[in-house]
Amino acid sequence: KKQDRFAGLIQPTGTEKVLNSYAMKTRRKIDSGQQIETA
């Protein structure tokens, strides 16, 4: 999707916590491998 917020278990780096999600400072693809490893 073309969204500026990510609602997930792990906060991606370069984001800001907002109500029930994380605001992306710049729209980019998130690496699922890194997110899984962190989780």
PDB file of all heavy atoms in Angstrom:
ATOM      1  N   LYS A   1       0.829  -1.203   0.000  1.00  0.00           N
ATOM      2  CA  LYS A   1       0.000   0.000   0.000  1.00  0.00           C
ATOM      3  C   LYS A   1       0.864   1.254   0.000  1.00  0.00           C
ATOM      4  O   LYS A   1       2.012   1.225   0.383  1.00  0.00           O
ATOM      5  CB  LYS A   1      -0.913   0.010   1.226  1.00  0.00           C
ATOM      6  CG  LYS A   1      -1.874  -1.153   1.244  1.00  0.00           C
ATOM      7  CD  LYS A   1      -2.671  -1.169   2.514  1.00  0.00           C
ATOM      8  CE  LYS A   1      -3.574  -2.386   2.561  1.00  0.00           C
ATOM      9  NZ  LYS A   1      -4.279  -2.490   3.830  1.00  0.00           N
ATOM     10  N   LYS A   2       0.282   2.335  -0.407  1.00  0.00           N
ATOM     11  CA  LYS A   2       0.961   3.639  -0.393  1.00  0.00           C
ATOM     12  C   LYS A   2       0.501   4.401   0.843  1.00  0.00           C
ATOM     13  O   LYS A   2      -0.354   5.265   0.778  1.00  0.00           O
ATOM     14  CB  LYS A   2       0.624   4.432  -1.657  1.00  0.00           C
ATOM     15  CG  LYS A   2       0.955   3.724  -2.941  1.00  0.00           C
ATOM     16  CD  LYS A   2       2.455   3.702  -3.160  1.00  0.00           C
ATOM     17  CE  LYS A   2       2.744   3.154  -4.540  1.00  0.00           C
ATOM     18  NZ  LYS A   2       3.952   2.420  -4.617  1.00  0.00           N
ATOM     19  N   GLN A   3       1.058   4.043   2.010  1.00  0.00           N
ATOM     20  CA  GLN A   3       0.661   4.686   3.253  1.00  0.00           C
ATOM     21  C   GLN A   3       1.854   5.359   3.905  1.00  0.00           C
ATOM     22  O   GLN A   3       2.998   5.023   3.633  1.00  0.00           O
ATOM     23  CB  GLN A   3       0.088   3.650   4.223  1.00  0.00           C
ATOM     24  CG  GLN A   3      -1.167   2.978   3.728  1.00  0.00           C
ATOM     25  CD  GLN A   3      -1.643   1.912   4.683  1.00  0.00           C
ATOM     26  OE1 GLN A   3      -0.850   1.240   5.317  1.00  0.00           O
ATOM     27  NE2 GLN A   3      -2.944   1.757   4.780  1.00  0.00           N
ATOM     28  N   ASP A   4       1.574   6.311   4.780  1.00  0.00           N
ATOM     29  CA  ASP A   4       2.648   6.967   5.519  1.00  0.00           C
ATOM     30  C   ASP A   4       2.681   6.509   6.974  1.00  0.00           C
ATOM     31  O   ASP A   4       3.424   7.044   7.778  1.00  0.00           O
ATOM     32  CB  ASP A   4       2.526   8.488   5.431  1.00  0.00           C
ATOM     33  CG  ASP A   4       1.231   9.008   6.023  1.00  0.00           C
ATOM     34  OD1 ASP A   4       0.349   8.200   6.356  1.00  0.00           O
ATOM     35  OD2 ASP A   4       1.099  10.234   6.154  1.00  0.00           O
ATOM     36  N   ARG A   5       1.882   5.505   7.304  1.00  0.00           N
ATOM     37  CA  ARG A   5       1.865   4.948   8.657  1.00  0.00           C
ATOM     38  C   ARG A   5       1.969   3.433   8.600  1.00  0.00           C
ATOM     39  O   ARG A   5       1.408   2.799   7.720  1.00  0.00           O
ATOM     40  CB  ARG A   5       0.588   5.336   9.401  1.00  0.00           C
ATOM     41  CG  ARG A   5       0.495   6.819   9.643  1.00  0.00           C
ATOM     42  CD  ARG A   5      -0.747   7.155  10.442  1.00  0.00           C
ATOM     43  NE  ARG A   5      -0.958   8.570  10.476  1.00  0.00           N
ATOM     44  CZ  ARG A   5      -0.555   9.352  11.471  1.00  0.00           C
ATOM     45  NH1 ARG A   5       0.064   8.846  12.495  1.00  0.00           N
ATOM     46  NH2 ARG A   5      -0.785  10.648  11.427  1.00  0.00           N
ATOM     47  N   PHE A   6       2.688   2.892   9.563  1.00  0.00           N
ATOM     48  CA  PHE A   6       2.849   1.442   9.676  1.00  0.00           C
ATOM     49  C   PHE A   6       2.277   1.012  11.013  1.00  0.00           C
ATOM     50  O   PHE A   6       2.692   1.493  12.063  1.00  0.00           O
ATOM     51  CB  PHE A   6       4.331   1.063   9.594  1.00  0.00           C
ATOM     52  CG  PHE A   6       4.592  -0.403   9.822  1.00  0.00           C
ATOM     53  CD1 PHE A   6       4.308  -1.333   8.839  1.00  0.00           C
ATOM     54  CD2 PHE A   6       5.119  -0.855  11.026  1.00  0.00           C
ATOM     55  CE1 PHE A   6       4.548  -2.681   9.044  1.00  0.00           C
ATOM     56  CE2 PHE A   6       5.367  -2.199  11.236  1.00  0.00           C
ATOM     57  CZ  PHE A   6       5.074  -3.112  10.240  1.00  0.00           C
ATOM     58  N   ALA A   7       1.300   0.119  10.989  1.00  0.00           N
ATOM     59  CA  ALA A   7       0.705  -0.425  12.215  1.00  0.00           C
ATOM     60  C   ALA A   7       1.197  -1.857  12.356  1.00  0.00           C
ATOM     61  O   ALA A   7       0.758  -2.737  11.623  1.00  0.00           O
ATOM     62  CB  ALA A   7      -0.812  -0.375  12.139  1.00  0.00           C
ATOM     63  N   GLY A   8       2.145  -2.063  13.267  1.00  0.00           N
ATOM     64  CA  GLY A   8       2.690  -3.399  13.418  1.00  0.00           C
ATOM     65  C   GLY A   8       3.330  -3.613  14.767  1.00  0.00           C
ATOM     66  O   GLY A   8       3.421  -2.709  15.589  1.00  0.00           O
ATOM     67  N   LEU A   9       3.791  -4.829  14.976  1.00  0.00           N
ATOM     68  CA  LEU A   9       4.408  -5.212  16.239  1.00  0.00           C
ATOM     69  C   LEU A   9       5.708  -4.467  16.486  1.00  0.00           C
ATOM     70  O   LEU A   9       5.968  -3.994  17.578  1.00  0.00           O
ATOM     71  CB  LEU A   9       4.662  -6.730  16.247  1.00  0.00           C
ATOM     72  CG  LEU A   9       5.328  -7.306  17.489  1.00  0.00           C
ATOM     73  CD1 LEU A   9       4.447  -7.127  18.717  1.00  0.00           C
ATOM     74  CD2 LEU A   9       5.653  -8.780  17.270  1.00  0.00           C
ATOM     75  N   ILE A  10       6.545  -4.345  15.456  1.00  0.00           N
ATOM     76  CA  ILE A  10       7.869  -3.752  15.584  1.00  0.00           C
ATOM     77  C   ILE A  10       7.893  -2.380  14.926  1.00  0.00           C
ATOM     78  O   ILE A  10       7.515  -2.237  13.765  1.00  0.00           O
ATOM     79  CB  ILE A  10       8.943  -4.661  14.941  1.00  0.00           C
ATOM     80  CG1 ILE A  10       8.899  -6.062  15.533  1.00  0.00           C
ATOM     81  CG2 ILE A  10      10.333  -4.050  15.066  1.00  0.00           C
ATOM     82  CD1 ILE A  10       9.177  -6.132  17.013  1.00  0.00           C
ATOM     83  N   GLN A  11       8.368  -1.373  15.647  1.00  0.00           N
ATOM     84  CA  GLN A  11       8.492  -0.024  15.102  1.00  0.00           C
ATOM     85  C   GLN A  11       9.679   0.029  14.149  1.00  0.00           C
ATOM     86  O   GLN A  11      10.807  -0.239  14.558  1.00  0.00           O
ATOM     87  CB  GLN A  11       8.691   0.987  16.233  1.00  0.00           C
ATOM     88  CG  GLN A  11       8.850   2.403  15.727  1.00  0.00           C
ATOM     89  CD  GLN A  11       9.006   3.410  16.860  1.00  0.00           C
ATOM     90  OE1 GLN A  11       8.903   3.080  18.028  1.00  0.00           O
ATOM     91  NE2 GLN A  11       9.253   4.648  16.495  1.00  0.00           N
ATOM     92  N   PRO A  12       9.449   0.336  12.880  1.00  0.00           N
ATOM     93  CA  PRO A  12      10.572   0.456  11.947  1.00  0.00           C
ATOM     94  C   PRO A  12      11.478   1.622  12.350  1.00  0.00           C
ATOM     95  O   PRO A  12      11.004   2.623  12.890  1.00  0.00           O
ATOM     96  CB  PRO A  12       9.898   0.745  10.606  1.00  0.00           C
ATOM     97  CG  PRO A  12       8.484   0.295  10.768  1.00  0.00           C
ATOM     98  CD  PRO A  12       8.164   0.521  12.214  1.00  0.00           C
ATOM     99  N   THR A  13      12.766   1.499  12.076  1.00  0.00           N
ATOM    100  CA  THR A  13      13.672   2.608  12.344  1.00  0.00           C
ATOM    101  C   THR A  13      13.278   3.788  11.466  1.00  0.00           C
ATOM    102  O   THR A  13      12.700   3.614  10.394  1.00  0.00           O
ATOM    103  CB  THR A  13      15.142   2.215  12.066  1.00  0.00           C
ATOM    104  OG1 THR A  13      15.240   1.695  10.748  1.00  0.00           O
ATOM    105  CG2 THR A  13      15.642   1.179  13.045  1.00  0.00           C
ATOM    106  N   GLY A  14      13.550   4.981  11.938  1.00  0.00           N
ATOM    107  CA  GLY A  14      13.221   6.181  11.175  1.00  0.00           C
ATOM    108  C   GLY A  14      11.748   6.514  11.196  1.00  0.00           C
ATOM    109  O   GLY A  14      11.235   7.143  10.270  1.00  0.00           O
ATOM    110  N   THR A  15      11.040   6.090  12.255  1.00  0.00           N
ATOM    111  CA  THR A  15       9.615   6.393  12.375  1.00  0.00           C
ATOM    112  C   THR A  15       9.355   7.066  13.715  1.00  0.00           C
ATOM    113  O   THR A  15      10.173   7.036  14.622  1.00  0.00           O
ATOM    114  CB  THR A  15       8.741   5.125  12.286  1.00  0.00           C
ATOM    115  OG1 THR A  15       9.058   4.259  13.375  1.00  0.00           O
ATOM    116  CG2 THR A  15       8.928   4.416  10.972  1.00  0.00           C
ATOM    117  N   GLU A  16       8.169   7.639  13.807  1.00  0.00           N
ATOM    118  CA  GLU A  16       7.738   8.315  15.017  1.00  0.00           C
ATOM    119  C   GLU A  16       6.463   7.644  15.513  1.00  0.00           C
ATOM    120  O   GLU A  16       5.549   7.366  14.732  1.00  0.00           O
ATOM    121  CB  GLU A  16       7.476   9.784  14.683  1.00  0.00           C
ATOM    122  CG  GLU A  16       6.991  10.627  15.815  1.00  0.00           C
ATOM    123  CD  GLU A  16       6.740  12.058  15.346  1.00  0.00           C
ATOM    124  OE1 GLU A  16       7.564  12.596  14.593  1.00  0.00           O
ATOM    125  OE2 GLU A  16       5.709  12.619  15.738  1.00  0.00           O
ATOM    126  N   LYS A  17       6.391   7.374  16.810  1.00  0.00           N
ATOM    127  CA  LYS A  17       5.208   6.738  17.399  1.00  0.00           C
ATOM    128  C   LYS A  17       4.041   7.712  17.378  1.00  0.00           C
ATOM    129  O   LYS A  17       4.155   8.851  17.808  1.00  0.00           O
ATOM    130  CB  LYS A  17       5.515   6.305  18.843  1.00  0.00           C
ATOM    131  CG  LYS A  17       4.335   5.737  19.583  1.00  0.00           C
ATOM    132  CD  LYS A  17       4.097   4.301  19.196  1.00  0.00           C
ATOM    133  CE  LYS A  17       3.024   3.681  20.078  1.00  0.00           C
ATOM    134  NZ  LYS A  17       1.922   3.136  19.363  1.00  0.00           N
ATOM    135  N   VAL A  18       2.919   7.262  16.810  1.00  0.00           N
ATOM    136  CA  VAL A  18       1.666   8.007  16.839  1.00  0.00           C
ATOM    137  C   VAL A  18       0.596   7.035  17.328  1.00  0.00           C
ATOM    138  O   VAL A  18       0.875   5.855  17.533  1.00  0.00           O
ATOM    139  CB  VAL A  18       1.306   8.590  15.445  1.00  0.00           C
ATOM    140  CG1 VAL A  18       2.296   9.662  15.037  1.00  0.00           C
ATOM    141  CG2 VAL A  18       1.234   7.523  14.386  1.00  0.00           C
ATOM    142  N   LEU A  19      -0.602   7.489  17.525  1.00  0.00           N
ATOM    143  CA  LEU A  19      -1.666   6.659  18.073  1.00  0.00           C
ATOM    144  C   LEU A  19      -1.816   5.348  17.304  1.00  0.00           C
ATOM    145  O   LEU A  19      -2.151   5.350  16.122  1.00  0.00           O
ATOM    146  CB  LEU A  19      -2.990   7.419  18.062  1.00  0.00           C
ATOM    147  CG  LEU A  19      -4.181   6.700  18.692  1.00  0.00           C
ATOM    148  CD1 LEU A  19      -3.935   6.464  20.184  1.00  0.00           C
ATOM    149  CD2 LEU A  19      -5.449   7.500  18.481  1.00  0.00           C
ATOM    150  N   ASN A  20      -1.519   4.227  17.959  1.00  0.00           N
ATOM    151  CA  ASN A  20      -1.692   2.864  17.437  1.00  0.00           C
ATOM    152  C   ASN A  20      -0.928   2.568  16.144  1.00  0.00           C
ATOM    153  O   ASN A  20      -1.270   1.620  15.438  1.00  0.00           O
ATOM    154  CB  ASN A  20      -3.169   2.538  17.235  1.00  0.00           C
ATOM    155  CG  ASN A  20      -3.930   2.551  18.535  1.00  0.00           C
ATOM    156  OD1 ASN A  20      -3.372   2.335  19.606  1.00  0.00           O
ATOM    157  ND2 ASN A  20      -5.217   2.814  18.457  1.00  0.00           N
ATOM    158  N   SER A  21       0.079   3.393  15.815  1.00  0.00           N
ATOM    159  CA  SER A  21       0.883   3.111  14.628  1.00  0.00           C
ATOM    160  C   SER A  21       2.173   3.923  14.692  1.00  0.00           C
ATOM    161  O   SER A  21       2.449   4.590  15.682  1.00  0.00           O
ATOM    162  CB  SER A  21       0.103   3.431  13.345  1.00  0.00           C
ATOM    163  OG  SER A  21      -0.143   4.808  13.235  1.00  0.00           O
ATOM    164  N   TYR A  22       2.948   3.863  13.598  1.00  0.00           N
ATOM    165  CA  TYR A  22       4.215   4.574  13.493  1.00  0.00           C
ATOM    166  C   TYR A  22       4.195   5.395  12.205  1.00  0.00           C
ATOM    167  O   TYR A  22       3.932   4.860  11.133  1.00  0.00           O
ATOM    168  CB  TYR A  22       5.386   3.583  13.471  1.00  0.00           C
ATOM    169  CG  TYR A  22       5.349   2.635  14.644  1.00  0.00           C
ATOM    170  CD1 TYR A  22       4.926   1.324  14.480  1.00  0.00           C
ATOM    171  CD2 TYR A  22       5.711   3.060  15.921  1.00  0.00           C
ATOM    172  CE1 TYR A  22       4.874   0.453  15.564  1.00  0.00           C
ATOM    173  CE2 TYR A  22       5.657   2.190  17.004  1.00  0.00           C
ATOM    174  CZ  TYR A  22       5.242   0.893  16.823  1.00  0.00           C
ATOM    175  OH  TYR A  22       5.182   0.041  17.890  1.00  0.00           O
ATOM    176  N   ALA A  23       4.482   6.694  12.324  1.00  0.00           N
ATOM    177  CA  ALA A  23       4.508   7.572  11.158  1.00  0.00           C
ATOM    178  C   ALA A  23       5.875   7.472  10.494  1.00  0.00           C
ATOM    179  O   ALA A  23       6.900   7.636  11.149  1.00  0.00           O
ATOM    180  CB  ALA A  23       4.226   9.014  11.572  1.00  0.00           C
ATOM    181  N   MET A  24       5.867   7.184   9.207  1.00  0.00           N
ATOM    182  CA  MET A  24       7.108   7.088   8.441  1.00  0.00           C
ATOM    183  C   MET A  24       7.573   8.500   8.111  1.00  0.00           C
ATOM    184  O   MET A  24       6.812   9.306   7.594  1.00  0.00           O
ATOM    185  CB  MET A  24       6.872   6.303   7.148  1.00  0.00           C
ATOM    186  CG  MET A  24       6.318   4.903   7.344  1.00  0.00           C
ATOM    187  SD  MET A  24       7.416   3.784   8.209  1.00  0.00           S
ATOM    188  CE  MET A  24       8.586   3.418   6.917  1.00  0.00           C
ATOM    189  N   LYS A  25       8.842   8.793   8.405  1.00  0.00           N
ATOM    190  CA  LYS A  25       9.387  10.113   8.078  1.00  0.00           C
ATOM    191  C   LYS A  25       9.524  10.256   6.570  1.00  0.00           C
ATOM    192  O   LYS A  25       9.274  11.315   6.004  1.00  0.00           O
ATOM    193  CB  LYS A  25      10.715  10.343   8.783  1.00  0.00           C
ATOM    194  CG  LYS A  25      10.527  10.475  10.291  1.00  0.00           C
ATOM    195  CD  LYS A  25      11.812  10.716  11.021  1.00  0.00           C
ATOM    196  CE  LYS A  25      11.531  10.806  12.507  1.00  0.00           C
ATOM    197  NZ  LYS A  25      12.731  10.911  13.293  1.00  0.00           N
ATOM    198  N   THR A  26       9.921   9.176   5.912  1.00  0.00           N
ATOM    199  CA  THR A  26       9.936   9.126   4.454  1.00  0.00           C
ATOM    200  C   THR A  26       9.366   7.767   4.050  1.00  0.00           C
ATOM    201  O   THR A  26       9.665   6.747   4.669  1.00  0.00           O
ATOM    202  CB  THR A  26      11.359   9.278   3.871  1.00  0.00           C
ATOM    203  OG1 THR A  26      12.202   8.266   4.421  1.00  0.00           O
ATOM    204  CG2 THR A  26      11.944  10.637   4.188  1.00  0.00           C
ATOM    205  N   ARG A  27       8.544   7.775   3.009  1.00  0.00           N
ATOM    206  CA  ARG A  27       7.927   6.536   2.527  1.00  0.00           C
ATOM    207  C   ARG A  27       9.013   5.632   1.964  1.00  0.00           C
ATOM    208  O   ARG A  27       9.791   6.047   1.110  1.00  0.00           O
ATOM    209  CB  ARG A  27       6.890   6.866   1.451  1.00  0.00           C
ATOM    210  CG  ARG A  27       6.294   5.669   0.765  1.00  0.00           C
ATOM    211  CD  ARG A  27       5.232   5.010   1.633  1.00  0.00           C
ATOM    212  NE  ARG A  27       4.612   3.928   0.898  1.00  0.00           N
ATOM    213  CZ  ARG A  27       4.703   2.653   1.255  1.00  0.00           C
ATOM    214  NH1 ARG A  27       5.322   2.306   2.348  1.00  0.00           N
ATOM    215  NH2 ARG A  27       4.135   1.722   0.542  1.00  0.00           N
ATOM    216  N   ARG A  28       9.105   4.410   2.470  1.00  0.00           N
ATOM    217  CA  ARG A  28      10.097   3.457   1.990  1.00  0.00           C
ATOM    218  C   ARG A  28       9.590   2.036   2.228  1.00  0.00           C
ATOM    219  O   ARG A  28       8.670   1.819   3.010  1.00  0.00           O
ATOM    220  CB  ARG A  28      11.429   3.653   2.716  1.00  0.00           C
ATOM    221  CG  ARG A  28      11.354   3.354   4.209  1.00  0.00           C
ATOM    222  CD  ARG A  28      12.701   3.536   4.892  1.00  0.00           C
ATOM    223  NE  ARG A  28      12.560   3.503   6.336  1.00  0.00           N
ATOM    224  CZ  ARG A  28      12.579   2.396   7.080  1.00  0.00           C
ATOM    225  NH1 ARG A  28      12.725   1.225   6.519  1.00  0.00           N
ATOM    226  NH2 ARG A  28      12.455   2.462   8.397  1.00  0.00           N
ATOM    227  N   LYS A  29      10.205   1.112   1.548  1.00  0.00           N
ATOM    228  CA  LYS A  29       9.883  -0.295   1.740  1.00  0.00           C
ATOM    229  C   LYS A  29      10.527  -0.767   3.040  1.00  0.00           C
ATOM    230  O   LYS A  29      11.671  -0.431   3.332  1.00  0.00           O
ATOM    231  CB  LYS A  29      10.413  -1.108   0.554  1.00  0.00           C
ATOM    232  CG  LYS A  29       9.995  -2.532   0.582  1.00  0.00           C
ATOM    233  CD  LYS A  29      10.439  -3.247  -0.689  1.00  0.00           C
ATOM    234  CE  LYS A  29       9.987  -4.689  -0.623  1.00  0.00           C
ATOM    235  NZ  LYS A  29      10.359  -5.429  -1.812  1.00  0.00           N
ATOM    236  N   ILE A  30       9.787  -1.543   3.823  1.00  0.00           N
ATOM    237  CA  ILE A  30      10.293  -2.083   5.080  1.00  0.00           C
ATOM    238  C   ILE A  30      10.825  -3.485   4.821  1.00  0.00           C
ATOM    239  O   ILE A  30      10.222  -4.264   4.089  1.00  0.00           O
ATOM    240  CB  ILE A  30       9.183  -2.114   6.150  1.00  0.00           C
ATOM    241  CG1 ILE A  30       8.719  -0.693   6.463  1.00  0.00           C
ATOM    242  CG2 ILE A  30       9.669  -2.803   7.423  1.00  0.00           C
ATOM    243  CD1 ILE A  30       7.538  -0.630   7.396  1.00  0.00           C
ATOM    244  N   ASP A  31      11.953  -3.815   5.423  1.00  0.00           N
ATOM    245  CA  ASP A  31      12.592  -5.125   5.286  1.00  0.00           C
ATOM    246  C   ASP A  31      11.976  -6.094   6.297  1.00  0.00           C
ATOM    247  O   ASP A  31      12.182  -5.945   7.505  1.00  0.00           O
ATOM    248  CB  ASP A  31      14.096  -4.982   5.523  1.00  0.00           C
ATOM    249  CG  ASP A  31      14.854  -6.282   5.355  1.00  0.00           C
ATOM    250  OD1 ASP A  31      14.277  -7.375   5.542  1.00  0.00           O
ATOM    251  OD2 ASP A  31      16.053  -6.218   5.041  1.00  0.00           O
ATOM    252  N   SER A  32      11.224  -7.073   5.807  1.00  0.00           N
ATOM    253  CA  SER A  32      10.564  -8.014   6.720  1.00  0.00           C
ATOM    254  C   SER A  32      11.576  -8.860   7.486  1.00  0.00           C
ATOM    255  O   SER A  32      11.340  -9.206   8.646  1.00  0.00           O
ATOM    256  CB  SER A  32       9.572  -8.901   5.969  1.00  0.00           C
ATOM    257  OG  SER A  32      10.230  -9.705   5.021  1.00  0.00           O
ATOM    258  N   GLY A  33      12.711  -9.176   6.879  1.00  0.00           N
ATOM    259  CA  GLY A  33      13.732  -9.967   7.565  1.00  0.00           C
ATOM    260  C   GLY A  33      14.247  -9.278   8.812  1.00  0.00           C
ATOM    261  O   GLY A  33      14.376  -9.907   9.873  1.00  0.00           O
ATOM    262  N   GLN A  34      14.516  -7.986   8.718  1.00  0.00           N
ATOM    263  CA  GLN A  34      14.972  -7.223   9.883  1.00  0.00           C
ATOM    264  C   GLN A  34      13.882  -7.129  10.938  1.00  0.00           C
ATOM    265  O   GLN A  34      14.144  -7.250  12.134  1.00  0.00           O
ATOM    266  CB  GLN A  34      15.410  -5.816   9.475  1.00  0.00           C
ATOM    267  CG  GLN A  34      16.701  -5.771   8.718  1.00  0.00           C
ATOM    268  CD  GLN A  34      17.070  -4.342   8.323  1.00  0.00           C
ATOM    269  OE1 GLN A  34      16.243  -3.439   8.340  1.00  0.00           O
ATOM    270  NE2 GLN A  34      18.328  -4.144   7.966  1.00  0.00           N
ATOM    271  N   GLN A  35      12.655  -6.905  10.499  1.00  0.00           N
ATOM    272  CA  GLN A  35      11.534  -6.804  11.439  1.00  0.00           C
ATOM    273  C   GLN A  35      11.329  -8.132  12.173  1.00  0.00           C
ATOM    274  O   GLN A  35      11.098  -8.156  13.378  1.00  0.00           O
ATOM    275  CB  GLN A  35      10.255  -6.411  10.708  1.00  0.00           C
ATOM    276  CG  GLN A  35      10.259  -5.021  10.103  1.00  0.00           C
ATOM    277  CD  GLN A  35      10.230  -3.924  11.131  1.00  0.00           C
ATOM    278  OE1 GLN A  35      11.260  -3.364  11.466  1.00  0.00           O
ATOM    279  NE2 GLN A  35       9.071  -3.608  11.635  1.00  0.00           N
ATOM    280  N   ILE A  36      11.418  -9.247  11.441  1.00  0.00           N
ATOM    281  CA  ILE A  36      11.249 -10.570  12.059  1.00  0.00           C
ATOM    282  C   ILE A  36      12.361 -10.827  13.064  1.00  0.00           C
ATOM    283  O   ILE A  36      12.093 -11.290  14.184  1.00  0.00           O
ATOM    284  CB  ILE A  36      11.190 -11.668  10.970  1.00  0.00           C
ATOM    285  CG1 ILE A  36       9.883 -11.564  10.177  1.00  0.00           C
ATOM    286  CG2 ILE A  36      11.357 -13.056  11.592  1.00  0.00           C
ATOM    287  CD1 ILE A  36       9.839 -12.396   8.911  1.00  0.00           C
ATOM    288  N   GLU A  37      13.586 -10.536  12.690  1.00  0.00           N
ATOM    289  CA  GLU A  37      14.720 -10.743  13.596  1.00  0.00           C
ATOM    290  C   GLU A  37      14.543  -9.950  14.885  1.00  0.00           C
ATOM    291  O   GLU A  37      14.752 -10.463  15.989  1.00  0.00           O
ATOM    292  CB  GLU A  37      16.020 -10.332  12.898  1.00  0.00           C
ATOM    293  CG  GLU A  37      17.258 -10.578  13.730  1.00  0.00           C
ATOM    294  CD  GLU A  37      18.533 -10.192  12.989  1.00  0.00           C
ATOM    295  OE1 GLU A  37      18.595 -10.369  11.766  1.00  0.00           O
ATOM    296  OE2 GLU A  37      19.454  -9.707  13.665  1.00  0.00           O
ATOM    297  N   THR A  38      14.119  -8.694  14.758  1.00  0.00           N
ATOM    298  CA  THR A  38      13.890  -7.857  15.935  1.00  0.00           C
ATOM    299  C   THR A  38      12.754  -8.414  16.786  1.00  0.00           C
ATOM    300  O   THR A  38      12.843  -8.445  18.019  1.00  0.00           O
ATOM    301  CB  THR A  38      13.572  -6.407  15.514  1.00  0.00           C
ATOM    302  OG1 THR A  38      14.684  -5.899  14.770  1.00  0.00           O
ATOM    303  CG2 THR A  38      13.322  -5.514  16.711  1.00  0.00           C
ATOM    304  N   ALA A  39      11.694  -8.891  16.151  1.00  0.00           N
ATOM    305  CA  ALA A  39      10.552  -9.444  16.887  1.00  0.00           C
ATOM    306  C   ALA A  39      10.933 -10.709  17.657  1.00  0.00           C
ATOM    307  O   ALA A  39      10.515 -10.899  18.804  1.00  0.00           O
ATOM    308  CB  ALA A  39       9.403  -9.739  15.927  1.00  0.00           C
TER     309      ALA A  39
END
